[in-house]
Every structure is written in structure tokens, then in C-alpha cells.
Protein backbone atom coordinates (compact mmCIF):
# COMPACT_ATOMS: atom_id res chain seq x y z
CA MET A 1 21.23 -33.66 45.36
CA LEU A 2 18.48 -32.89 42.85
CA ASN A 3 19.46 -33.75 39.25
CA LEU A 4 18.12 -31.13 36.95
CA ALA A 5 19.78 -32.59 33.78
CA ASN A 6 16.54 -33.95 32.63
CA ALA A 7 14.17 -31.52 34.33
CA ARG A 8 11.75 -29.72 32.09
CA VAL A 9 9.16 -27.27 33.25
CA SER A 10 7.13 -26.42 30.17
CA VAL A 11 5.75 -22.93 29.45
CA HIS A 12 3.07 -22.82 26.83
CA ALA A 13 0.76 -20.12 25.44
CA PHE A 14 -2.86 -20.54 26.61
CA GLU A 15 -6.11 -18.74 26.82
CA VAL A 16 -7.79 -17.50 30.06
CA GLN A 17 -11.60 -17.43 30.43
CA LEU A 18 -12.55 -14.43 32.42
CA PRO A 19 -15.02 -15.77 35.01
CA TRP A 20 -16.61 -12.37 35.80
CA ARG A 21 -17.60 -11.68 32.18
CA THR A 22 -20.91 -12.87 30.92
CA THR A 23 -19.51 -12.99 27.37
CA SER A 24 -17.07 -15.45 25.93
CA THR A 25 -14.23 -12.96 25.55
CA LYS A 26 -10.86 -14.59 25.97
CA CYS A 27 -7.54 -13.13 26.53
CA TYR A 28 -4.37 -14.54 24.94
CA PHE A 29 -0.83 -14.30 26.30
CA PRO A 30 1.91 -16.00 24.14
CA VAL A 31 4.47 -16.49 26.83
CA ILE A 32 3.72 -17.27 30.52
CA THR A 33 6.19 -18.49 33.13
CA HIS A 34 4.66 -21.35 35.12
CA ARG A 35 6.47 -20.87 38.48
CA ASN A 36 3.19 -21.21 39.93
CA THR A 37 0.35 -22.23 37.58
CA LEU A 38 -2.53 -21.06 39.87
CA LEU A 39 -0.81 -17.62 40.37
CA ASP A 40 -0.14 -17.26 36.69
CA ASN A 41 -3.81 -17.94 35.80
CA PHE A 42 -4.79 -15.33 38.43
CA LEU A 43 -2.29 -12.65 37.20
CA THR A 44 -3.14 -13.23 33.61
CA ALA A 45 -6.93 -12.92 34.28
CA ALA A 46 -6.16 -9.73 36.35
CA ILE A 47 -4.14 -8.26 33.37
CA CYS A 48 -6.84 -9.06 30.93
CA ARG A 49 -9.51 -7.54 33.27
CA TYR A 50 -7.73 -4.23 33.97
CA VAL A 51 -5.58 -3.65 31.06
CA LYS A 52 -8.03 -3.26 28.11
CA GLY A 53 -5.34 -2.42 25.59
CA CYS A 54 -5.51 -2.64 21.94
CA VAL A 55 -3.75 -1.40 18.75
CA THR A 56 -5.31 1.45 16.83
CA PRO A 57 -5.44 1.66 13.00
CA PHE A 58 -2.44 3.92 13.23
CA GLY A 59 -0.44 1.53 15.21
CA GLY A 60 -0.53 3.13 18.64
CA LEU A 61 -2.03 1.98 21.90
CA GLY A 62 -5.70 2.43 22.31
CA LYS A 63 -8.57 1.46 24.67
CA LYS A 64 -11.38 -0.85 23.87
CA MET A 65 -14.78 0.70 24.29
CA ARG A 66 -18.17 1.04 22.60
CA PHE A 67 -17.91 2.96 19.30
CA SER A 68 -20.42 5.41 20.53
CA GLU A 69 -18.14 6.27 23.60
CA CYS A 70 -15.18 6.91 21.36
CA GLU A 71 -14.90 10.53 20.95
CA ILE A 72 -12.78 10.66 17.66
CA ILE A 73 -15.32 8.17 15.98
CA THR A 74 -18.36 10.06 17.06
CA LYS A 75 -16.86 13.39 15.80
CA LEU A 76 -16.05 11.93 12.48
CA LEU A 77 -19.59 10.46 12.12
CA LEU A 78 -21.23 13.74 13.10
CA LYS A 79 -18.89 15.74 10.76
CA TYR A 80 -19.37 13.65 7.59
CA GLN A 81 -22.56 11.72 8.35
CA LYS A 82 -23.48 9.63 5.35
CA ASP A 83 -20.76 11.27 3.18
CA LEU A 84 -17.79 9.52 4.71
CA PRO A 85 -14.55 9.90 2.60
CA PRO A 86 -12.96 6.54 1.79
CA ILE A 87 -10.01 7.16 4.18
CA VAL A 88 -12.33 7.99 7.01
CA HIS A 89 -14.57 4.91 6.36
CA SER A 90 -11.44 2.75 6.37
CA PHE A 91 -10.34 4.31 9.72
CA ILE A 92 -13.66 3.59 11.37
CA GLU A 93 -13.93 0.12 9.91
CA THR A 94 -10.35 -0.82 11.00
CA SER A 95 -11.10 0.60 14.36
CA PHE A 96 -13.42 -2.39 15.16
CA VAL A 97 -11.94 -4.89 17.59
CA THR A 98 -13.22 -7.97 15.89
CA PRO A 99 -14.99 -8.73 12.57
CA GLU A 100 -18.13 -9.53 14.55
CA ASP A 101 -18.36 -5.83 15.68
CA ILE A 102 -18.81 -4.71 12.05
CA GLU A 103 -21.85 -6.93 11.68
CA ASN A 104 -23.45 -6.15 15.15
CA VAL A 105 -24.46 -2.45 14.81
CA LEU A 106 -25.82 -2.16 18.36
CA ARG A 107 -22.76 -3.61 20.12
CA LYS A 108 -19.76 -2.35 18.08
CA ASN A 109 -16.49 -2.31 20.11
CA SER A 110 -13.80 0.07 18.88
CA CYS A 111 -10.16 0.49 19.57
CA CYS A 112 -10.13 4.12 20.58
CA PRO A 113 -6.91 6.17 20.35
CA THR A 114 -5.78 7.36 23.85
CA LYS A 115 -4.26 10.50 22.49
CA GLU A 116 -6.08 13.33 20.59
CA ILE A 117 -5.75 13.17 16.88
CA ASP A 118 -5.97 16.11 14.51
CA THR A 119 -8.05 14.22 11.81
CA ASP A 120 -7.65 16.95 9.22
CA LYS A 121 -3.96 16.67 9.37
CA VAL A 122 -3.40 12.85 9.68
CA PHE A 123 -5.82 11.84 6.91
CA LYS A 124 -3.68 13.89 4.45
CA ASN A 125 -0.64 11.66 5.23
CA VAL A 126 -1.74 8.37 6.86
CA GLY A 127 1.63 6.81 6.32
CA ALA A 128 3.49 9.49 8.31
CA GLU A 129 0.99 9.29 11.21
CA ILE A 130 1.37 5.49 11.32
CA LEU A 131 5.11 5.66 11.55
CA SER A 132 4.96 8.55 14.07
CA THR A 133 2.45 6.76 16.31
CA ILE A 134 4.22 3.47 16.09
CA SER A 135 7.59 5.07 17.35
CA THR A 136 6.32 4.63 20.97
CA LEU A 137 6.10 0.87 20.46
CA CYS A 138 8.74 -0.07 17.95
CA GLY A 139 12.25 -1.58 18.21
CA ASP A 140 11.70 -3.11 21.61
CA ASN A 141 12.81 -6.71 21.98
CA THR A 142 12.19 -7.10 25.73
CA HIS A 143 15.93 -7.67 26.27
CA LYS A 144 18.37 -5.18 27.99
CA ARG A 145 20.99 -5.76 25.32
CA ILE A 146 21.82 -8.20 22.48
CA SER A 147 25.04 -10.02 23.08
CA PHE A 148 26.71 -11.36 20.00
CA GLY A 149 27.26 -15.05 20.49
CA GLU A 150 26.57 -17.60 17.73
CA GLN A 151 22.84 -17.62 18.33
CA PRO A 152 20.57 -14.95 19.83
CA THR A 153 17.92 -15.72 22.32
CA PHE A 154 14.58 -16.66 20.72
CA MET A 155 12.86 -13.30 21.13
CA ALA A 156 15.80 -11.06 20.45
CA TYR A 157 14.28 -10.05 16.99
CA PRO A 158 10.57 -10.06 17.31
CA TRP A 159 10.20 -8.20 13.97
CA ALA A 160 11.86 -10.98 11.92
CA ALA A 161 9.81 -12.33 9.13
CA LEU A 162 10.27 -15.12 6.63
CA LEU A 163 8.93 -14.98 3.08
CA ILE A 164 7.23 -18.12 2.02
CA TYR A 165 7.49 -19.47 -1.57
CA ASP A 166 5.69 -22.23 -3.40
CA ASP A 167 9.06 -23.84 -4.33
CA ARG A 168 11.52 -26.53 -3.40
CA GLU A 169 13.21 -23.95 -1.20
CA LYS A 170 10.22 -22.77 0.88
CA PHE A 171 12.21 -19.85 2.46
CA GLN A 172 14.33 -17.74 0.17
CA CYS A 173 14.15 -14.31 1.64
CA GLY A 174 13.59 -12.51 4.93
CA GLY A 175 11.85 -9.28 5.90
CA THR A 176 10.79 -7.16 8.87
CA LEU A 177 7.52 -6.21 10.42
CA ILE A 178 7.25 -2.48 10.47
CA THR A 179 3.59 -1.98 11.43
CA GLN A 180 0.86 -4.37 12.40
CA ARG A 181 -0.14 -4.72 8.81
CA TYR A 182 3.15 -4.33 6.75
CA VAL A 183 6.40 -6.28 6.15
CA LEU A 184 9.41 -4.47 4.59
CA THR A 185 11.66 -6.48 2.31
CA ALA A 186 13.70 -6.25 -0.89
CA ALA A 187 12.09 -5.88 -4.26
CA HIS A 188 14.28 -8.61 -5.78
CA CYS A 189 12.53 -10.99 -3.37
CA ILE A 190 9.13 -10.43 -5.01
CA LYS A 191 8.30 -13.37 -7.26
CA ASP A 192 5.28 -15.01 -8.79
CA ASN A 193 5.49 -17.93 -6.41
CA LEU A 194 5.61 -15.79 -3.22
CA VAL A 195 2.63 -16.99 -1.28
CA GLY A 196 2.98 -15.99 2.35
CA ILE A 197 4.67 -14.55 5.45
CA ARG A 198 5.93 -16.40 8.59
CA LEU A 199 6.27 -14.60 11.84
CA ARG A 200 7.33 -15.70 15.41
CA GLU A 201 9.96 -18.16 14.07
CA TYR A 202 13.25 -19.05 15.57
CA ASN A 203 14.25 -22.69 14.61
CA ILE A 204 12.79 -23.54 11.19
CA SER A 205 13.17 -27.27 11.86
CA SER A 206 11.37 -27.18 15.18
CA GLU A 207 7.64 -26.97 15.79
CA GLU A 208 8.22 -25.51 19.28
CA ASP A 209 10.92 -23.08 20.26
CA CYS A 210 12.00 -23.14 23.95
CA ALA A 211 14.76 -22.00 26.17
CA ALA A 212 15.69 -22.33 29.77
CA ASP A 213 16.37 -19.37 32.02
CA ASP A 214 18.91 -19.17 34.89
CA GLY A 215 16.43 -20.79 37.18
CA TYR A 216 15.95 -23.87 34.96
CA VAL A 217 12.44 -22.78 33.95
CA ILE A 218 11.81 -23.36 30.32
CA HIS A 219 10.08 -20.81 28.27
CA CYS A 220 8.35 -21.54 24.96
CA MET A 221 7.10 -19.24 22.38
CA ALA A 222 3.73 -19.84 20.89
CA PRO A 223 3.91 -21.51 17.49
CA ALA A 224 5.06 -19.69 14.40
CA ILE A 225 2.25 -18.22 12.38
CA ASN A 226 1.93 -18.24 8.59
CA LEU A 227 -0.07 -15.44 7.03
CA GLY A 228 -1.32 -14.77 3.58
CA ILE A 229 -0.63 -11.75 1.45
CA GLU A 230 -3.26 -9.14 0.66
CA LYS A 231 -1.07 -6.86 -1.52
CA ILE A 232 2.49 -6.58 -2.68
CA ILE A 233 4.11 -3.08 -3.49
CA LYS A 234 7.34 -3.29 -5.28
CA HIS A 235 9.16 -0.08 -5.96
CA GLU A 236 8.10 1.25 -9.32
CA ARG A 237 11.66 1.89 -10.47
CA PHE A 238 13.37 -1.24 -9.22
CA SER A 239 16.10 -2.50 -11.58
CA LYS A 240 16.82 -6.21 -11.51
CA PHE A 241 20.08 -5.41 -13.32
CA ASN A 242 21.91 -3.11 -10.78
CA PHE A 243 19.41 -3.54 -7.90
CA GLU A 244 18.49 0.23 -7.76
CA ASN A 245 15.51 0.92 -5.62
CA ASP A 246 15.57 -2.61 -4.12
CA ILE A 247 12.70 -2.13 -1.76
CA ALA A 248 9.21 -3.51 -1.37
CA LEU A 249 6.23 -3.66 1.10
CA ILE A 250 3.91 -6.69 1.77
CA ARG A 251 0.51 -5.99 3.13
CA LEU A 252 -0.87 -8.59 5.45
CA PRO A 253 -4.55 -9.67 5.23
CA GLN A 254 -5.24 -8.68 8.82
CA SER A 255 -3.88 -6.53 11.59
CA LEU A 256 -1.77 -8.18 14.17
CA GLU A 257 -1.80 -7.65 17.93
CA TYR A 258 1.65 -6.95 19.25
CA GLU A 259 3.10 -9.36 21.86
CA ARG A 260 6.58 -10.24 23.20
CA SER A 261 7.42 -12.24 20.09
CA ILE A 262 5.73 -10.10 17.44
CA ARG A 263 6.82 -6.46 17.51
CA PRO A 264 7.64 -3.90 14.81
CA VAL A 265 11.24 -2.61 14.25
CA CYS A 266 11.64 1.21 14.21
CA LEU A 267 12.36 3.10 10.92
CA PRO A 268 14.34 6.34 10.46
CA GLU A 269 12.30 9.43 10.92
CA ARG A 270 13.45 11.36 7.92
CA GLN A 271 15.33 10.88 4.61
CA ASN A 272 19.20 10.84 4.58
CA ALA A 273 19.32 10.28 8.41
CA GLU A 274 22.61 8.81 9.51
CA TYR A 275 21.41 6.85 12.52
CA PHE A 276 24.24 4.33 12.42
CA ASN A 277 27.80 4.94 13.49
CA ASN A 278 30.48 2.37 12.73
CA TYR A 279 28.58 -0.90 13.19
CA GLY A 280 25.19 -2.43 12.36
CA VAL A 281 23.53 -5.75 13.14
CA ILE A 282 22.34 -8.34 10.61
CA SER A 283 20.16 -11.26 11.66
CA GLY A 284 18.54 -14.23 9.83
CA TRP A 285 18.87 -17.72 8.73
CA GLY A 286 21.31 -17.04 5.78
CA LEU A 287 18.43 -17.28 3.29
CA THR A 288 19.14 -16.88 -0.46
CA GLU A 289 17.71 -18.49 -3.49
CA LYS A 290 20.23 -21.26 -3.01
CA GLY A 291 18.86 -22.29 0.38
CA LYS A 292 19.99 -21.42 4.03
CA ILE A 293 23.09 -21.92 6.19
CA SER A 294 21.13 -22.41 9.48
CA ASP A 295 17.90 -23.80 10.81
CA VAL A 296 18.23 -21.43 13.82
CA LEU A 297 18.28 -17.62 13.73
CA LEU A 298 21.72 -16.16 13.55
CA HIS A 299 23.10 -12.72 14.00
CA ALA A 300 26.23 -10.71 13.64
CA GLU A 301 27.68 -7.29 14.34
CA VAL A 302 29.10 -5.94 11.04
CA PRO A 303 31.13 -2.75 10.35
CA VAL A 304 29.64 -0.22 7.91
CA LEU A 305 31.97 0.74 5.19
CA SER A 306 32.30 3.94 3.26
CA LEU A 307 30.49 4.05 -0.11
CA ASP A 308 33.84 5.14 -1.79
CA TYR A 309 35.38 1.94 -0.61
CA CYS A 310 32.58 -0.12 -2.12
CA ARG A 311 32.49 1.68 -5.37
CA LYS A 312 36.04 0.41 -5.88
CA ILE A 313 34.80 -3.20 -5.42
CA TYR A 314 31.47 -2.99 -7.19
CA ARG A 315 32.77 -1.19 -10.18
CA TYR A 316 29.77 -2.13 -12.39
CA ASN A 317 27.32 -0.75 -9.79
CA HIS A 318 26.24 2.84 -9.29
CA PHE A 319 26.73 3.57 -5.61
CA ASN A 320 24.83 6.60 -4.21
CA SER A 321 23.36 7.70 -1.02
CA THR A 322 20.50 5.30 -1.39
CA LYS A 323 22.83 2.41 -0.53
CA ILE A 324 24.77 1.18 2.55
CA CYS A 325 27.90 -1.03 2.38
CA ALA A 326 28.88 -3.34 5.21
CA SER A 327 31.12 -6.35 5.72
CA GLY A 328 31.70 -9.05 8.27
CA VAL A 329 34.72 -9.25 10.62
CA ASN A 330 35.22 -12.71 9.00
CA GLU A 331 33.95 -14.29 5.83
CA ILE A 332 30.91 -15.92 7.46
CA ASP A 333 29.40 -12.99 9.37
CA ILE A 334 27.67 -11.39 6.37
CA CYS A 335 26.15 -14.85 5.53
CA LYS A 336 24.12 -14.61 8.72
CA GLY A 337 21.61 -12.16 7.17
CA ASP A 338 18.80 -13.03 4.89
CA SER A 339 18.37 -11.71 1.40
CA GLY A 340 15.70 -8.97 1.91
CA GLY A 341 16.48 -9.03 5.71
CA PRO A 342 17.42 -6.09 7.99
CA LEU A 343 20.49 -4.17 9.00
CA VAL A 344 19.67 -2.55 12.24
CA ALA A 345 21.35 -0.02 14.57
CA ARG A 346 20.88 0.17 18.35
CA LEU A 347 20.11 3.69 19.36
CA GLU A 348 20.68 4.96 22.86
CA GLY A 349 17.89 7.30 24.29
CA TYR A 350 15.93 6.99 20.96
CA HIS A 351 12.61 7.42 22.75
CA VAL A 352 11.35 8.81 26.08
CA GLY A 353 11.05 6.06 28.54
CA ARG A 354 13.35 3.67 26.82
CA LYS A 355 17.20 3.41 27.15
CA PHE A 356 17.50 2.29 23.59
CA ARG A 357 15.61 0.96 20.50
CA TYR A 358 16.44 -0.97 17.48
CA LEU A 359 16.12 0.80 14.24
CA GLN A 360 16.26 -0.58 10.66
CA THR A 361 18.78 1.34 8.62
CA GLY A 362 19.16 -1.13 5.71
CA ILE A 363 17.64 -3.99 3.65
CA ILE A 364 20.00 -6.66 2.45
CA SER A 365 20.09 -6.23 -1.33
CA ALA A 366 23.27 -7.86 -2.77
CA GLY A 367 26.58 -9.33 -2.07
CA ILE A 368 25.70 -12.48 0.01
CA SER A 369 25.41 -15.04 -2.81
CA ALA A 370 29.19 -15.91 -2.57
CA CYS A 371 29.71 -15.30 0.98
CA GLY A 372 31.79 -17.42 3.30
CA ASP A 373 34.82 -18.05 1.02
CA GLU A 374 37.57 -16.21 -0.59
CA ARG A 375 35.16 -14.59 -3.10
CA SER A 376 33.27 -12.91 -0.28
CA LEU A 377 32.15 -9.34 -1.04
CA PRO A 378 30.77 -6.65 1.22
CA GLY A 379 27.10 -6.70 1.59
CA VAL A 380 25.07 -4.06 -0.24
CA PHE A 381 22.06 -2.65 1.68
CA THR A 382 19.19 -0.43 0.52
CA ASP A 383 19.36 2.63 2.76
CA VAL A 384 15.84 2.81 4.41
CA ALA A 385 16.11 6.41 5.34
CA SER A 386 16.30 7.39 1.66
CA TYR A 387 12.86 5.73 1.05
CA ILE A 388 10.90 6.99 4.09
CA ASP A 389 8.77 9.30 1.85
CA TRP A 390 8.02 6.27 -0.43
CA ILE A 391 7.11 4.05 2.46
CA GLU A 392 4.72 6.70 3.98
CA GLU A 393 3.07 7.20 0.61
CA LYS A 394 2.31 3.43 0.36
CA LEU A 395 1.07 2.75 3.81
CA GLU A 396 -2.65 2.44 4.19
CA LEU A 397 -4.83 1.83 7.19
């Protein structure tokens, strides 16, 4: 009988050189299953050859092509010529596939939107267009359904982000990827020693995250990535005394390509939208200023409580419709979320072609510092739906 106890079939991210191209273009796939290495190489190369997908400045799917062949770019150049408005200039510049395309005037490659865009309309509210476009891609974790054991699978929450601090406690807050350029978090997490963002993480103490499937084939994510910070946008009326308007955005220095382990979460489409029913899901490493409770990503399903109930508990605080209140089934559940991390809801039939999507309803704001004992209090969350207009206003190409 074959002993599989010590068997290990390793799966790593790799690059495939396309043999039929004269340039040195490479195609990168973060997770490949090596049941047959030769077949995998062939299939990956075939995918790279025939699926020339890319992400447009608005966050939707596009097609790589010469900029002179992209209808929307040529129309904009003809319309404005040398008098390009800053927003149009930014759109064209961020449409280039690589930085080299900006320098090489004769061979610029753009990521051209596959759907028609009313430029007069979208440039008046870029943030709204970004969130509208990304709704076809967001909230997909490549899993049929999340089951609530102690630990989720390592790609269950591809939007999970860690905030990096220049401190003894390197990680103190979490966040969520909402576009290819922005991370959503809590305003109270913004400090002078905040230096970066980590994505594609599962086990903080491990350099490589792997898991075996039912066929004993081990799948490994590509290594976690640390990114710098280009810009921090904290809500102008945030109060550190009562945590009012506890919301912030972090702009990354470059746009990300979506993959199985890096994807955005969905956001509510309008203010005061009640997308959650009775339960929400929190996930994270239990990060607070005092440290963490786990090296491995945790999650829990938590019941959403009425604001009236929480007003009686947090008498010093002003509870209004911009907050959500939730508590764990037991004392430890609420500890599994990160300060600044997400409360999400699973929505059935949220988008055409998908059975369900995960949508962020809240940002963990307060109530987890004393979790896990008799002093445990319900968690207080910033209601994301109440701040959609603010988010749209701050998003840039």
C-alpha cells in the first residue's frame, strides 16, 4: 500500500516564456496545480496566448492592444488634442500596460475597456464608475461557500490586507482591498509609523502557505507581497474620542493585477443599504495594538445586533445609522477580526452569472480590545454603506 503520509507534491508560482513571441513578454500565474508539469506548462502558455486580459483604470476587464487601436483613447486624443484635462491625462497614462509603454511612443500598449464608456459622464464621478465597473469582479473568493471551522482555506479571503507599522508590533490593523489601487480600513489605524500594506497573506509566521486537496496534491500560494503607500486619506471628521467617522482609504503606489489570491471585496451600491440580514462574517488574525491572537487567518460568523441594544451597553457613545453592532456566539469569536478589518455579508444572486458574492458591510472600529473574557463587549463597526459617497469622492484613477 502506498504511504502518502510524507508525500508532498509541491505547487509553486512560475513564469512561462511564450515561445511564439519575439518579445520577452512573460505570463505570470500565481497558483498552478502540477498534476502534469508538461501539461500545465502547455495550458498556461495557451491561456497567456489567447486570453490577453488586463485590468482597466476603472477596474474592469480590458484587452491589451496598441493605444492607436483603442477606440476610447483615440477619441479622447482627437477630442482634446493638446489640451487634455488632468483627469483624461490620468486615464490615458494609467491605461498603459507597463511603465515602458509610457516611454516608448511608437509601441505603446494600452489596456482598452471592452465595454463602451460615456466619457463625459464617467469623468464627472470617477469613483462611482470605478465601483460600478468593479462590481463584475469583486467579492469572488473562488470557493463555492465558506464553511465556518476554526481556520478558513488559504484563499477564502483574497481581499484581506495587513497594515505594516515601523514598530515592535509589526501588524496592528487589517484592511480590505476594494480596487486594484485602494485599501479600505479604519481611521484609528492611521498612525505616523504606518509604512506599508501586505497582501496575499495567510500564515504570518510562514514564508510559504500551502494546503493539500482531496487528491493529496499540495497547492501553494505565491509569496505574500509588501507594498508601499502613496497616499493616506483619513475621514476629515474622524473623532478619536468616540470613533465617529472611523474610516480611511490607503492608495497603493501601483495598480495590482487581480489573481486568485488577490481580489477586491464588493462594496454596497448606495447609502443606508441594508445588505446584511442577521449574520455577518469577520476574518483576520485578531490584530490590535496589543498584538495578535493567531499567526493563521481566522474567521467567525457573528450575529448582527440592533443599535438600540448596543446603545444601552455603550452609553458614552453616540450610536446612529453610521454604525453596525455585532457580537460573537461565544467570547472569542469577535476576537478573530482585525482592528480596521471587515465585516462581510454573503449575498445570493448579487450579480449576473454568479450565485453569490461577498460584500463588505462594516469596518471593525471598537469593542475588541477586551475580547475573550467576561469583559467582552459587542464589536462596533463603521457602516460602509453610509460612506459610499465619501469613498466615491476620494477614489482616483
